[in-house]
Structure formats: structure tokens, C-alpha cells
Amino acid sequence: MAANEQVSTGVRLVRVPEDRDGQRLDNFLLLQLKGAPRSLVYKLVRSGQVRINGKRAKADSRLSGGDEVRIPPVRLAEAGEVRTPPKGMLERLAASIVFEDKALLAINKPSGIATHGGSGISFGVIEALRAMRPGEPLELVHRLDRDTSGVLVLAKKRSALLELQALMRAGEDDEGPSKRYLALLVGRVPNGTLTVDAPLQKSVLQGGERMVRVDASGKPSVSHVKVLERRGGHSFCEVRIETGRTHQIRVHAAHLGHPVAGDEKYGDREANKRLAEQAGLRRLFLHAASIEFALEKGTKPYLINAPLSDDLVAVLNRLG
């Protein structure tokens, strides 16, 4: 089924191919319903219209080869309605590529660009890169918050995607990827390495805003914070995470009493205002600086770095 047809499909029962074993339901549906916005896919799943082997499922459910997925009728856009990402966005992403080989593509994602579309966002990184490279089977390996910059890895081969996602689920203690972030935290963080072991719980507010909080009933979450430099009474830190929960570093930093500078959701409003006036900070000061892992059963090591963006370097320089 072409993405640019105007089609109202009937109910379809799709058998999951063996090479899609382990794929998330939402990503599988996006491939089946080309041209459908992610928000529509989530709506279909939440309403119970999508079923796996006859049972209701969640968007993050993992599929197994041979599963039968019920896909309801969906109206897709006409060819004339198909929109393309803005030229400026495509140029920024093309310039942001920091690594590529036959299996992987990595970019230094700019702050302000979402990883994927949805929730009122027409285009994210994945939609834009697919538009730039039609026909290439690009898949997101992981995600970054919209306001976080830095290393974002995409797979060009299904085998690399599955192996990397398995490593991500295993965690750093079990030879999973080692992720290193750079962050400016408000105030004077104590010297040494602080380990924050605080479970995190996601919730959605009435207006649809997603929030995360420390909660004993949440998912295990571990971050390690180390001060690199003092700048203007604040702490430029390296943060390593063992788990990759939504907003993990931002919530853990706030839990420490030293929120990430420029964080409008979990941060210190007055400190953010002062940093904007004194140092020109106009965004979240959180950057995914590197990711390290090994593919092909540990025989092919990768270390992918993304330099700190010029605007964040300028903030540090102004703080002295």
C-alpha cells in the first residue's frame, strides 16, 4: 500500500515476519501504515482497535515472529497532501551527521528537534532522515528528549537494530551501551561522584503533558554525577546513566536539589532567568556527548562522540 494513496483500508490481519521479532508494536504499525502520523497510531492502540493475537496491547509491546496483528481501517492522505520536512531542517540534519557505516548512522541532534513526530509535531529526526534518504530502512535505536542535544543512533540494518536494542535492554552492567552526558547543574554540586538511585514513575497530566517523578513504585533508575568544573557558581558535570528512563537525568538532578540549567519543566525558574540574562542560556543545558557499545557479539566496538554545541560552549565561557 503506497503512502500517497487516498485509501480507506478494511480491517487487516498481518502476520509478523520473523525478521521483525522483538520490534515494538508502534514502530511496526508505522511501517504498515505509511503516511499515518504517530499520534494516530497511538490513538488506535489506546482505543483497543489494534490487537496482537486477538488481545489488546500497548504501543511499546514487543512482537514475536508469527504474531497476528489486527490493523483497523485507516484513511491515509492523497498524494497532493503529502508534506515534506522544511528544507532548513533537512540541511541542519545533513550537517549534523557525525558517524556512518553500513550498519549505523549517528547524528549530533540539535536541541529543539524532536526524535520523531507526533503530539502536534509534524516532523522529527526519523521522518526527516527518511525523507532525505528514501528507500533506506532507517530505524531509531533509542530516543533523546526534544530539548536535549547530542548523539542519536539510527540503524540501517535490521540485524544491527535488534542487537543494539537488546544491549539497551540489558543495561550498562551487562555490557550494554555506556552513555555519557554533559550538563550544567544549578548551584554547587558536591565533589566526587554522586550516585542517584531513585525509581522513576511516568504520569500524564490533565492537559496531556508528560511528567516524571521519583516514586518508590516506579522503574529502577540509576545515574552517576561527577563535577568537571565550577562555572559562575554552578556545576558543569558529566553524567553517566545505567538506565535510560524518560527525563531521567532531569528528574534525578532536580531530586538532588541541583536541577539542569534551562530546564523549564523540572528546573529552577529564577536560576534559569538569571542564566539567560547573565550567560545567554536559552535552552536546556543537557547534551548526550558519547555512546560506547560493541556489536557482532562484542567483536565490533563503537565509540561515537558528539561535540558540545557552540551555543553551550558560549554559555560556559560567559560564566567564566
Foldseek 3Di string as FASTA:
>chain_A
DDQAAFDFDAKDKDFAAQLQFFPFQLVVVCVVNPQDASQVSQVCLVVQQKAWQNHRDHRRDTDHGGIIIIDHTDTHHHNVPDDADDPVVLVVFVVFWQDDDQWKTKGFAAAQAFCADDPPRPGHPVRNVCRVPPPFPKDWLDGDHNRATEITMITRDSQVSVQLNVLQVVWVVVQRKKWKKKFKWAADDDADKDKQWFFKDWDADPVRDIDIAGDPPHHTWIKIWHFDDDFLRITTIMMITRHDDVCRQQRSSVVVVTGTAQDPPSDDVVSNVVLCVQQVDNGGGMYGAWMWHAPPVRPRIDITGGDDDPSNVSSRVSRD
